[in-house]
Full PDB file with SEQRES, HELIX, SHEET, SSBOND, CRYST1, ORIGX, SCALE, CONECT and MASTER records, all heavy atoms in Angstrom:
SEQRES   1 A   39  HIS HIS VAL ARG LEU PRO ASP ALA ALA VAL ALA ALA LEU          
SEQRES   2 A   39  THR GLU HIS THR GLN GLY TRP ALA ALA GLY LEU ARG MET          
SEQRES   3 A   39  THR VAL ARG ALA MET ARG HIS ARG GLN ARG SER ASP ALA          
HELIX    1 AA1 ASP A    7  THR A   17  1                                  11    
HELIX    2 AA2 ALA A   21  ASP A   38  1                                  18    
CRYST1    1.000    1.000    1.000  90.00  90.00  90.00 P 1           1          
ORIGX1      1.000000  0.000000  0.000000        0.00000                         
ORIGX2      0.000000  1.000000  0.000000        0.00000                         
ORIGX3      0.000000  0.000000  1.000000        0.00000                         
SCALE1      1.000000  0.000000  0.000000        0.00000                         
SCALE2      0.000000  1.000000  0.000000        0.00000                         
SCALE3      0.000000  0.000000  1.000000        0.00000                         
ATOM      1  N   HIS A   1       0.823  -1.209   0.000  1.00  0.00           N  
ATOM      2  CA  HIS A   1       0.000   0.000   0.000  1.00  0.00           C  
ATOM      3  C   HIS A   1       0.862   1.266   0.000  1.00  0.00           C  
ATOM      4  O   HIS A   1       0.359   2.358   0.250  1.00  0.00           O  
ATOM      5  CB  HIS A   1      -0.929   0.011   1.224  1.00  0.00           C  
ATOM      6  CG  HIS A   1      -2.020  -1.007   1.150  1.00  0.00           C  
ATOM      7  ND1 HIS A   1      -1.795  -2.350   1.328  1.00  0.00           N  
ATOM      8  CD2 HIS A   1      -3.365  -0.881   0.917  1.00  0.00           C  
ATOM      9  CE1 HIS A   1      -2.949  -3.010   1.219  1.00  0.00           C  
ATOM     10  NE2 HIS A   1      -3.900  -2.149   0.970  1.00  0.00           N  
ATOM     11  N   HIS A   2       2.156   1.081  -0.248  1.00  0.00           N  
ATOM     12  CA  HIS A   2       3.110   2.202  -0.313  1.00  0.00           C  
ATOM     13  C   HIS A   2       3.190   2.952   1.016  1.00  0.00           C  
ATOM     14  O   HIS A   2       3.328   4.174   1.045  1.00  0.00           O  
ATOM     15  CB  HIS A   2       2.739   3.167  -1.450  1.00  0.00           C  
ATOM     16  CG  HIS A   2       2.549   2.478  -2.773  1.00  0.00           C  
ATOM     17  ND1 HIS A   2       3.603   1.974  -3.506  1.00  0.00           N  
ATOM     18  CD2 HIS A   2       1.421   2.180  -3.476  1.00  0.00           C  
ATOM     19  CE1 HIS A   2       3.133   1.400  -4.618  1.00  0.00           C  
ATOM     20  NE2 HIS A   2       1.816   1.513  -4.617  1.00  0.00           N  
ATOM     21  N   VAL A   3       3.084   2.188   2.098  1.00  0.00           N  
ATOM     22  CA  VAL A   3       3.225   2.755   3.434  1.00  0.00           C  
ATOM     23  C   VAL A   3       4.433   2.092   4.094  1.00  0.00           C  
ATOM     24  O   VAL A   3       4.484   0.868   4.213  1.00  0.00           O  
ATOM     25  CB  VAL A   3       1.969   2.515   4.294  1.00  0.00           C  
ATOM     26  CG1 VAL A   3       2.200   2.969   5.730  1.00  0.00           C  
ATOM     27  CG2 VAL A   3       0.767   3.240   3.693  1.00  0.00           C  
ATOM     28  N   ARG A   4       5.395   2.896   4.483  1.00  0.00           N  
ATOM     29  CA  ARG A   4       6.588   2.375   5.153  1.00  0.00           C  
ATOM     30  C   ARG A   4       6.519   2.744   6.628  1.00  0.00           C  
ATOM     31  O   ARG A   4       6.334   3.901   6.977  1.00  0.00           O  
ATOM     32  CB  ARG A   4       7.855   2.939   4.514  1.00  0.00           C  
ATOM     33  CG  ARG A   4       8.027   2.518   3.061  1.00  0.00           C  
ATOM     34  CD  ARG A   4       9.407   2.863   2.521  1.00  0.00           C  
ATOM     35  NE  ARG A   4       9.551   2.454   1.134  1.00  0.00           N  
ATOM     36  CZ  ARG A   4       9.836   1.211   0.741  1.00  0.00           C  
ATOM     37  NH1 ARG A   4      10.008   0.272   1.662  1.00  0.00           N  
ATOM     38  NH2 ARG A   4       9.959   0.914  -0.530  1.00  0.00           N  
ATOM     39  N   LEU A   5       6.680   1.741   7.475  1.00  0.00           N  
ATOM     40  CA  LEU A   5       6.553   1.937   8.916  1.00  0.00           C  
ATOM     41  C   LEU A   5       7.832   1.497   9.615  1.00  0.00           C  
ATOM     42  O   LEU A   5       8.441   0.498   9.223  1.00  0.00           O  
ATOM     43  CB  LEU A   5       5.382   1.115   9.464  1.00  0.00           C  
ATOM     44  CG  LEU A   5       3.985   1.443   8.925  1.00  0.00           C  
ATOM     45  CD1 LEU A   5       2.981   0.428   9.445  1.00  0.00           C  
ATOM     46  CD2 LEU A   5       3.576   2.847   9.317  1.00  0.00           C  
ATOM     47  N   PRO A   6       8.232   2.225  10.656  1.00  0.00           N  
ATOM     48  CA  PRO A   6       9.371   1.765  11.459  1.00  0.00           C  
ATOM     49  C   PRO A   6       9.016   0.470  12.182  1.00  0.00           C  
ATOM     50  O   PRO A   6       7.835   0.144  12.369  1.00  0.00           O  
ATOM     51  CB  PRO A   6       9.601   2.915  12.442  1.00  0.00           C  
ATOM     52  CG  PRO A   6       8.306   3.656  12.496  1.00  0.00           C  
ATOM     53  CD  PRO A   6       7.680   3.503  11.144  1.00  0.00           C  
ATOM     54  N   ASP A   7      10.027  -0.255  12.605  1.00  0.00           N  
ATOM     55  CA  ASP A   7       9.799  -1.559  13.231  1.00  0.00           C  
ATOM     56  C   ASP A   7       8.876  -1.470  14.440  1.00  0.00           C  
ATOM     57  O   ASP A   7       8.020  -2.333  14.649  1.00  0.00           O  
ATOM     58  CB  ASP A   7      11.140  -2.179  13.636  1.00  0.00           C  
ATOM     59  CG  ASP A   7      11.970  -2.610  12.431  1.00  0.00           C  
ATOM     60  OD1 ASP A   7      11.402  -2.670  11.321  1.00  0.00           O  
ATOM     61  OD2 ASP A   7      13.173  -2.888  12.604  1.00  0.00           O  
ATOM     62  N   ALA A   8       9.043  -0.427  15.250  1.00  0.00           N  
ATOM     63  CA  ALA A   8       8.212  -0.280  16.444  1.00  0.00           C  
ATOM     64  C   ALA A   8       6.740  -0.113  16.074  1.00  0.00           C  
ATOM     65  O   ALA A   8       5.844  -0.644  16.746  1.00  0.00           O  
ATOM     66  CB  ALA A   8       8.690   0.907  17.278  1.00  0.00           C  
ATOM     67  N   ALA A   9       6.470   0.640  14.998  1.00  0.00           N  
ATOM     68  CA  ALA A   9       5.088   0.846  14.566  1.00  0.00           C  
ATOM     69  C   ALA A   9       4.486  -0.440  14.021  1.00  0.00           C  
ATOM     70  O   ALA A   9       3.304  -0.740  14.261  1.00  0.00           O  
ATOM     71  CB  ALA A   9       5.037   1.946  13.507  1.00  0.00           C  
ATOM     72  N   VAL A  10       5.274  -1.223  13.291  1.00  0.00           N  
ATOM     73  CA  VAL A  10       4.791  -2.510  12.780  1.00  0.00           C  
ATOM     74  C   VAL A  10       4.450  -3.443  13.936  1.00  0.00           C  
ATOM     75  O   VAL A  10       3.411  -4.111  13.938  1.00  0.00           O  
ATOM     76  CB  VAL A  10       5.846  -3.160  11.856  1.00  0.00           C  
ATOM     77  CG1 VAL A  10       5.433  -4.582  11.487  1.00  0.00           C  
ATOM     78  CG2 VAL A  10       6.036  -2.333  10.596  1.00  0.00           C  
ATOM     79  N   ALA A  11       5.325  -3.475  14.935  1.00  0.00           N  
ATOM     80  CA  ALA A  11       5.077  -4.333  16.100  1.00  0.00           C  
ATOM     81  C   ALA A  11       3.820  -3.906  16.838  1.00  0.00           C  
ATOM     82  O   ALA A  11       3.006  -4.752  17.235  1.00  0.00           O  
ATOM     83  CB  ALA A  11       6.288  -4.287  17.035  1.00  0.00           C  
ATOM     84  N   ALA A  12       3.637  -2.591  17.012  1.00  0.00           N  
ATOM     85  CA  ALA A  12       2.461  -2.093  17.723  1.00  0.00           C  
ATOM     86  C   ALA A  12       1.180  -2.392  16.937  1.00  0.00           C  
ATOM     87  O   ALA A  12       0.158  -2.789  17.521  1.00  0.00           O  
ATOM     88  CB  ALA A  12       2.596  -0.598  17.970  1.00  0.00           C  
ATOM     89  N   LEU A  13       1.236  -2.225  15.617  1.00  0.00           N  
ATOM     90  CA  LEU A  13       0.064  -2.473  14.782  1.00  0.00           C  
ATOM     91  C   LEU A  13      -0.293  -3.958  14.778  1.00  0.00           C  
ATOM     92  O   LEU A  13      -1.475  -4.328  14.869  1.00  0.00           O  
ATOM     93  CB  LEU A  13       0.339  -1.992  13.356  1.00  0.00           C  
ATOM     94  CG  LEU A  13      -0.778  -2.176  12.324  1.00  0.00           C  
ATOM     95  CD1 LEU A  13      -2.054  -1.482  12.764  1.00  0.00           C  
ATOM     96  CD2 LEU A  13      -0.332  -1.658  10.959  1.00  0.00           C  
ATOM     97  N   THR A  14       0.710  -4.815  14.699  1.00  0.00           N  
ATOM     98  CA  THR A  14       0.456  -6.255  14.707  1.00  0.00           C  
ATOM     99  C   THR A  14      -0.124  -6.692  16.042  1.00  0.00           C  
ATOM    100  O   THR A  14      -1.034  -7.524  16.104  1.00  0.00           O  
ATOM    101  CB  THR A  14       1.754  -7.028  14.414  1.00  0.00           C  
ATOM    102  OG1 THR A  14       2.353  -6.531  13.207  1.00  0.00           O  
ATOM    103  CG2 THR A  14       1.479  -8.512  14.238  1.00  0.00           C  
ATOM    104  N   GLU A  15       0.377  -6.116  17.125  1.00  0.00           N  
ATOM    105  CA  GLU A  15      -0.139  -6.434  18.453  1.00  0.00           C  
ATOM    106  C   GLU A  15      -1.573  -5.945  18.609  1.00  0.00           C  
ATOM    107  O   GLU A  15      -2.435  -6.650  19.147  1.00  0.00           O  
ATOM    108  CB  GLU A  15       0.751  -5.801  19.528  1.00  0.00           C  
ATOM    109  CG  GLU A  15       0.225  -5.935  20.952  1.00  0.00           C  
ATOM    110  CD  GLU A  15       0.180  -7.361  21.436  1.00  0.00           C  
ATOM    111  OE1 GLU A  15       0.936  -8.204  20.900  1.00  0.00           O  
ATOM    112  OE2 GLU A  15      -0.616  -7.647  22.352  1.00  0.00           O  
ATOM    113  N   HIS A  16      -1.860  -4.737  18.126  1.00  0.00           N  
ATOM    114  CA  HIS A  16      -3.196  -4.155  18.267  1.00  0.00           C  
ATOM    115  C   HIS A  16      -4.240  -4.968  17.509  1.00  0.00           C  
ATOM    116  O   HIS A  16      -5.378  -5.138  17.975  1.00  0.00           O  
ATOM    117  CB  HIS A  16      -3.175  -2.714  17.763  1.00  0.00           C  
ATOM    118  CG  HIS A  16      -4.461  -1.981  17.945  1.00  0.00           C  
ATOM    119  ND1 HIS A  16      -5.049  -1.778  19.181  1.00  0.00           N  
ATOM    120  CD2 HIS A  16      -5.300  -1.393  17.042  1.00  0.00           C  
ATOM    121  CE1 HIS A  16      -6.178  -1.103  19.037  1.00  0.00           C  
ATOM    122  NE2 HIS A  16      -6.356  -0.871  17.750  1.00  0.00           N  
ATOM    123  N   THR A  17      -3.872  -5.469  16.338  1.00  0.00           N  
ATOM    124  CA  THR A  17      -4.814  -6.230  15.515  1.00  0.00           C  
ATOM    125  C   THR A  17      -4.698  -7.732  15.727  1.00  0.00           C  
ATOM    126  O   THR A  17      -5.534  -8.490  15.229  1.00  0.00           O  
ATOM    127  CB  THR A  17      -4.567  -5.945  14.022  1.00  0.00           C  
ATOM    128  OG1 THR A  17      -3.223  -6.329  13.694  1.00  0.00           O  
ATOM    129  CG2 THR A  17      -4.778  -4.476  13.703  1.00  0.00           C  
ATOM    130  N   GLN A  18      -3.664  -8.150  16.474  1.00  0.00           N  
ATOM    131  CA  GLN A  18      -3.366  -9.579  16.634  1.00  0.00           C  
ATOM    132  C   GLN A  18      -3.251 -10.270  15.281  1.00  0.00           C  
ATOM    133  O   GLN A  18      -3.586 -11.455  15.131  1.00  0.00           O  
ATOM    134  CB  GLN A  18      -4.444 -10.266  17.479  1.00  0.00           C  
ATOM    135  CG  GLN A  18      -4.515  -9.771  18.923  1.00  0.00           C  
ATOM    136  CD  GLN A  18      -3.338 -10.236  19.761  1.00  0.00           C  
ATOM    137  OE1 GLN A  18      -3.251 -11.396  20.103  1.00  0.00           O  
ATOM    138  NE2 GLN A  18      -2.438  -9.313  20.074  1.00  0.00           N  
ATOM    139  N   GLY A  19      -2.762  -9.512  14.281  1.00  0.00           N  
ATOM    140  CA  GLY A  19      -2.541 -10.088  12.965  1.00  0.00           C  
ATOM    141  C   GLY A  19      -3.787 -10.279  12.135  1.00  0.00           C  
ATOM    142  O   GLY A  19      -3.751 -10.953  11.091  1.00  0.00           O  
ATOM    143  N   TRP A  20      -4.932  -9.723  12.576  1.00  0.00           N  
ATOM    144  CA  TRP A  20      -6.180  -9.844  11.806  1.00  0.00           C  
ATOM    145  C   TRP A  20      -6.011  -9.119  10.478  1.00  0.00           C  
ATOM    146  O   TRP A  20      -5.756  -7.916  10.426  1.00  0.00           O  
ATOM    147  CB  TRP A  20      -7.322  -9.245  12.621  1.00  0.00           C  
ATOM    148  CG  TRP A  20      -8.667  -9.280  11.963  1.00  0.00           C  
ATOM    149  CD1 TRP A  20      -9.192 -10.290  11.216  1.00  0.00           C  
ATOM    150  CD2 TRP A  20      -9.667  -8.250  12.001  1.00  0.00           C  
ATOM    151  NE1 TRP A  20     -10.464  -9.960  10.789  1.00  0.00           N  
ATOM    152  CE2 TRP A  20     -10.780  -8.717  11.252  1.00  0.00           C  
ATOM    153  CE3 TRP A  20      -9.719  -6.996  12.611  1.00  0.00           C  
ATOM    154  CZ2 TRP A  20     -11.928  -7.957  11.096  1.00  0.00           C  
ATOM    155  CZ3 TRP A  20     -10.879  -6.239  12.448  1.00  0.00           C  
ATOM    156  CH2 TRP A  20     -11.970  -6.715  11.705  1.00  0.00           C  
ATOM    157  N   ALA A  21      -6.150  -9.843   9.382  1.00  0.00           N  
ATOM    158  CA  ALA A  21      -5.831  -9.322   8.059  1.00  0.00           C  
ATOM    159  C   ALA A  21      -6.640  -8.081   7.708  1.00  0.00           C  
ATOM    160  O   ALA A  21      -6.098  -7.082   7.216  1.00  0.00           O  
ATOM    161  CB  ALA A  21      -6.044 -10.408   7.006  1.00  0.00           C  
ATOM    162  N   ALA A  22      -7.957  -8.119   7.940  1.00  0.00           N  
ATOM    163  CA  ALA A  22      -8.799  -6.976   7.592  1.00  0.00           C  
ATOM    164  C   ALA A  22      -8.420  -5.746   8.400  1.00  0.00           C  
ATOM    165  O   ALA A  22      -8.377  -4.626   7.879  1.00  0.00           O  
ATOM    166  CB  ALA A  22     -10.272  -7.311   7.807  1.00  0.00           C  
ATOM    167  N   GLY A  23      -8.151  -5.940   9.692  1.00  0.00           N  
ATOM    168  CA  GLY A  23      -7.757  -4.813  10.535  1.00  0.00           C  
ATOM    169  C   GLY A  23      -6.447  -4.206  10.075  1.00  0.00           C  
ATOM    170  O   GLY A  23      -6.289  -2.981  10.024  1.00  0.00           O  
ATOM    171  N   LEU A  24      -5.482  -5.055   9.716  1.00  0.00           N  
ATOM    172  CA  LEU A  24      -4.190  -4.567   9.223  1.00  0.00           C  
ATOM    173  C   LEU A  24      -4.356  -3.808   7.915  1.00  0.00           C  
ATOM    174  O   LEU A  24      -3.869  -2.684   7.772  1.00  0.00           O  
ATOM    175  CB  LEU A  24      -3.245  -5.747   9.011  1.00  0.00           C  
ATOM    176  CG  LEU A  24      -2.564  -6.339  10.237  1.00  0.00           C  
ATOM    177  CD1 LEU A  24      -1.895  -7.661   9.886  1.00  0.00           C  
ATOM    178  CD2 LEU A  24      -1.526  -5.348  10.789  1.00  0.00           C  
ATOM    179  N   ARG A  25      -5.047  -4.427   6.972  1.00  0.00           N  
ATOM    180  CA  ARG A  25      -5.130  -3.809   5.652  1.00  0.00           C  
ATOM    181  C   ARG A  25      -5.867  -2.475   5.701  1.00  0.00           C  
ATOM    182  O   ARG A  25      -5.443  -1.487   5.094  1.00  0.00           O  
ATOM    183  CB  ARG A  25      -5.832  -4.739   4.664  1.00  0.00           C  
ATOM    184  CG  ARG A  25      -5.865  -4.069   3.283  1.00  0.00           C  
ATOM    185  CD  ARG A  25      -6.516  -4.870   2.197  1.00  0.00           C  
ATOM    186  NE  ARG A  25      -6.507  -4.032   1.018  1.00  0.00           N  
ATOM    187  CZ  ARG A  25      -7.577  -3.447   0.492  1.00  0.00           C  
ATOM    188  NH1 ARG A  25      -8.756  -3.609   1.047  1.00  0.00           N  
ATOM    189  NH2 ARG A  25      -7.479  -2.682  -0.580  1.00  0.00           N  
ATOM    190  N   MET A  26      -6.975  -2.424   6.414  1.00  0.00           N  
ATOM    191  CA  MET A  26      -7.747  -1.184   6.437  1.00  0.00           C  
ATOM    192  C   MET A  26      -7.033  -0.101   7.233  1.00  0.00           C  
ATOM    193  O   MET A  26      -7.211   1.087   6.955  1.00  0.00           O  
ATOM    194  CB  MET A  26      -9.148  -1.451   6.970  1.00  0.00           C  
ATOM    195  CG  MET A  26      -9.970  -2.296   6.023  1.00  0.00           C  
ATOM    196  SD  MET A  26     -11.714  -2.398   6.453  1.00  0.00           S  
ATOM    197  CE  MET A  26     -12.269  -3.570   5.203  1.00  0.00           C  
ATOM    198  N   THR A  27      -6.218  -0.499   8.198  1.00  0.00           N  
ATOM    199  CA  THR A  27      -5.445   0.503   8.928  1.00  0.00           C  
ATOM    200  C   THR A  27      -4.366   1.104   8.045  1.00  0.00           C  
ATOM    201  O   THR A  27      -4.209   2.328   7.994  1.00  0.00           O  
ATOM    202  CB  THR A  27      -4.816  -0.117  10.190  1.00  0.00           C  
ATOM    203  OG1 THR A  27      -5.858  -0.613  11.037  1.00  0.00           O  
ATOM    204  CG2 THR A  27      -4.022   0.924  10.953  1.00  0.00           C  
ATOM    205  N   VAL A  28      -3.613   0.273   7.328  1.00  0.00           N  
ATOM    206  CA  VAL A  28      -2.569   0.823   6.450  1.00  0.00           C  
ATOM    207  C   VAL A  28      -3.196   1.565   5.267  1.00  0.00           C  
ATOM    208  O   VAL A  28      -2.636   2.554   4.771  1.00  0.00           O  
ATOM    209  CB  VAL A  28      -1.592  -0.271   5.974  1.00  0.00           C  
ATOM    210  CG1 VAL A  28      -0.852  -0.881   7.142  1.00  0.00           C  
ATOM    211  CG2 VAL A  28      -2.276  -1.337   5.157  1.00  0.00           C  
ATOM    212  N   ARG A  29      -4.379   1.104   4.854  1.00  0.00           N  
ATOM    213  CA  ARG A  29      -5.086   1.827   3.785  1.00  0.00           C  
ATOM    214  C   ARG A  29      -5.489   3.219   4.262  1.00  0.00           C  
ATOM    215  O   ARG A  29      -5.386   4.204   3.524  1.00  0.00           O  
ATOM    216  CB  ARG A  29      -6.313   1.029   3.373  1.00  0.00           C  
ATOM    217  CG  ARG A  29      -7.065   1.572   2.174  1.00  0.00           C  
ATOM    218  CD  ARG A  29      -8.065   0.524   1.689  1.00  0.00           C  
ATOM    219  NE  ARG A  29      -8.929   1.076   0.663  1.00  0.00           N  
ATOM    220  CZ  ARG A  29     -10.116   1.617   0.894  1.00  0.00           C  
ATOM    221  NH1 ARG A  29     -10.572   1.672   2.139  1.00  0.00           N  
ATOM    222  NH2 ARG A  29     -10.845   2.092  -0.086  1.00  0.00           N  
ATOM    223  N   ALA A  30      -5.943   3.307   5.529  1.00  0.00           N  
ATOM    224  CA  ALA A  30      -6.290   4.608   6.089  1.00  0.00           C  
ATOM    225  C   ALA A  30      -5.055   5.488   6.198  1.00  0.00           C  
ATOM    226  O   ALA A  30      -5.123   6.704   5.975  1.00  0.00           O  
ATOM    227  CB  ALA A  30      -6.936   4.438   7.455  1.00  0.00           C  
ATOM    228  N   MET A  31      -3.908   4.883   6.536  1.00  0.00           N  
ATOM    229  CA  MET A  31      -2.662   5.654   6.583  1.00  0.00           C  
ATOM    230  C   MET A  31      -2.326   6.221   5.217  1.00  0.00           C  
ATOM    231  O   MET A  31      -1.912   7.375   5.096  1.00  0.00           O  
ATOM    232  CB  MET A  31      -1.520   4.759   7.068  1.00  0.00           C  
ATOM    233  CG  MET A  31      -1.612   4.328   8.509  1.00  0.00           C  
ATOM    234  SD  MET A  31      -0.261   3.184   8.934  1.00  0.00           S  
ATOM    235  CE  MET A  31      -0.627   2.870  10.656  1.00  0.00           C  
ATOM    236  N   ARG A  32      -2.502   5.398   4.184  1.00  0.00           N  
ATOM    237  CA  ARG A  32      -2.232   5.864   2.820  1.00  0.00           C  
ATOM    238  C   ARG A  32      -3.188   6.984   2.428  1.00  0.00           C  
ATOM    239  O   ARG A  32      -2.776   7.996   1.843  1.00  0.00           O  
ATOM    240  CB  ARG A  32      -2.370   4.691   1.849  1.00  0.00           C  
ATOM    241  CG  ARG A  32      -2.127   5.039   0.390  1.00  0.00           C  
ATOM    242  CD  ARG A  32      -0.725   5.510   0.164  1.00  0.00           C  
ATOM    243  NE  ARG A  32      -0.450   5.698  -1.258  1.00  0.00           N  
ATOM    244  CZ  ARG A  32       0.591   6.359  -1.728  1.00  0.00           C  
ATOM    245  NH1 ARG A  32       1.471   6.895  -0.895  1.00  0.00           N  
ATOM    246  NH2 ARG A  32       0.780   6.489  -3.033  1.00  0.00           N  
ATOM    247  N   HIS A  33      -4.464   6.820   2.772  1.00  0.00           N  
ATOM    248  CA  HIS A  33      -5.455   7.864   2.465  1.00  0.00           C  
ATOM    249  C   HIS A  33      -5.127   9.157   3.214  1.00  0.00           C  
ATOM    250  O   HIS A  33      -5.311  10.256   2.674  1.00  0.00           O  
ATOM    251  CB  HIS A  33      -6.856   7.390   2.853  1.00  0.00           C  
ATOM    252  CG  HIS A  33      -7.423   6.420   1.869  1.00  0.00           C  
ATOM    253  ND1 HIS A  33      -8.717   5.957   1.948  1.00  0.00           N  
ATOM    254  CD2 HIS A  33      -6.885   5.813   0.789  1.00  0.00           C  
ATOM    255  CE1 HIS A  33      -8.949   5.122   0.949  1.00  0.00           C  
ATOM    256  NE2 HIS A  33      -7.848   5.010   0.247  1.00  0.00           N  
ATOM    257  N   ARG A  34      -4.648   8.998   4.454  1.00  0.00           N  
ATOM    258  CA  ARG A  34      -4.316  10.185   5.232  1.00  0.00           C  
ATOM    259  C   ARG A  34      -3.160  10.945   4.595  1.00  0.00           C  
ATOM    260  O   ARG A  34      -3.147  12.167   4.548  1.00  0.00           O  
ATOM    261  CB  ARG A  34      -3.958   9.790   6.667  1.00  0.00           C  
ATOM    262  CG  ARG A  34      -3.880  10.985   7.628  1.00  0.00           C  
ATOM    263  CD  ARG A  34      -3.516  10.538   9.034  1.00  0.00           C  
ATOM    264  NE  ARG A  34      -4.386   9.477   9.494  1.00  0.00           N  
ATOM    265  CZ  ARG A  34      -3.951   8.257   9.817  1.00  0.00           C  
ATOM    266  NH1 ARG A  34      -2.684   7.946   9.722  1.00  0.00           N  
ATOM    267  NH2 ARG A  34      -4.804   7.356  10.247  1.00  0.00           N  
ATOM    268  N   GLN A  35      -2.182  10.208   4.077  1.00  0.00           N  
ATOM    269  CA  GLN A  35      -1.067  10.856   3.391  1.00  0.00           C  
ATOM    270  C   GLN A  35      -1.567  11.660   2.190  1.00  0.00           C  
ATOM    271  O   GLN A  35      -1.150  12.785   1.953  1.00  0.00           O  
ATOM    272  CB  GLN A  35      -0.052   9.814   2.932  1.00  0.00           C  
ATOM    273  CG  GLN A  35       0.704   9.135   4.065  1.00  0.00           C  
ATOM    274  CD  GLN A  35       1.590   8.005   3.569  1.00  0.00           C  
ATOM    275  OE1 GLN A  35       1.610   7.680   2.386  1.00  0.00           O  
ATOM    276  NE2 GLN A  35       2.328   7.395   4.498  1.00  0.00           N  
ATOM    277  N   ARG A  36      -2.507  11.041   1.464  1.00  0.00           N  
ATOM    278  CA  ARG A  36      -3.037  11.727   0.280  1.00  0.00           C  
ATOM    279  C   ARG A  36      -3.902  12.915   0.667  1.00  0.00           C  
ATOM    280  O   ARG A  36      -3.855  13.963   0.022  1.00  0.00           O  
ATOM    281  CB  ARG A  36      -3.852  10.733  -0.555  1.00  0.00           C  
ATOM    282  CG  ARG A  36      -3.004   9.656  -1.202  1.00  0.00           C  
ATOM    283  CD  ARG A  36      -3.883   8.660  -1.937  1.00  0.00           C  
ATOM    284  NE  ARG A  36      -3.088   7.675  -2.656  1.00  0.00           N  
ATOM    285  CZ  ARG A  36      -3.588   6.647  -3.313  1.00  0.00           C  
ATOM    286  NH1 ARG A  36      -4.896   6.472  -3.349  1.00  0.00           N  
ATOM    287  NH2 ARG A  36      -2.804   5.802  -3.942  1.00  0.00           N  
ATOM    288  N   SER A  37      -4.719  12.734   1.717  1.00  0.00           N  
ATOM    289  CA  SER A  37      -5.597  13.837   2.115  1.00  0.00           C  
ATOM    290  C   SER A  37      -4.794  14.992   2.679  1.00  0.00           C  
ATOM    291  O   SER A  37      -5.149  16.154   2.506  1.00  0.00           O  
ATOM    292  CB  SER A  37      -6.631  13.349   3.138  1.00  0.00           C  
ATOM    293  OG  SER A  37      -5.996  12.935   4.334  1.00  0.00           O  
ATOM    294  N   ASP A  38      -3.688  14.667   3.366  1.00  0.00           N  
ATOM    295  CA  ASP A  38      -2.838  15.742   3.861  1.00  0.00           C  
ATOM    296  C   ASP A  38      -2.246  16.536   2.703  1.00  0.00           C  
ATOM    297  O   ASP A  38      -2.022  17.744   2.804  1.00  0.00           O  
ATOM    298  CB  ASP A  38      -1.695  15.163   4.710  1.00  0.00           C  
ATOM    299  CG  ASP A  38      -2.195  14.637   6.046  1.00  0.00           C  
ATOM    300  OD1 ASP A  38      -3.330  14.972   6.415  1.00  0.00           O  
ATOM    301  OD2 ASP A  38      -1.447  13.881   6.698  1.00  0.00           O  
ATOM    302  N   ALA A  39      -2.033  15.827   1.586  1.00  0.00           N  
ATOM    303  CA  ALA A  39      -1.414  16.490   0.436  1.00  0.00           C  
ATOM    304  C   ALA A  39      -2.423  17.276  -0.394  1.00  0.00           C  
ATOM    305  O   ALA A  39      -2.123  18.357  -0.882  1.00  0.00           O  
ATOM    306  CB  ALA A  39      -0.716  15.457  -0.448  1.00  0.00           C  
TER     307      ALA A  39                                                      
MASTER        0    0    0    2    0    0    0    6  306    1    0    3          
END                                                                             
């Protein structure tokens, strides 16, 4: 999704979602949308 995260952020996101695929994908998708909306 063209989102690069530091290791600590990846670990926190994986822990928060417990690896749930939909939760991970929609969170990184929201991050990508936020980057675009900020621009």
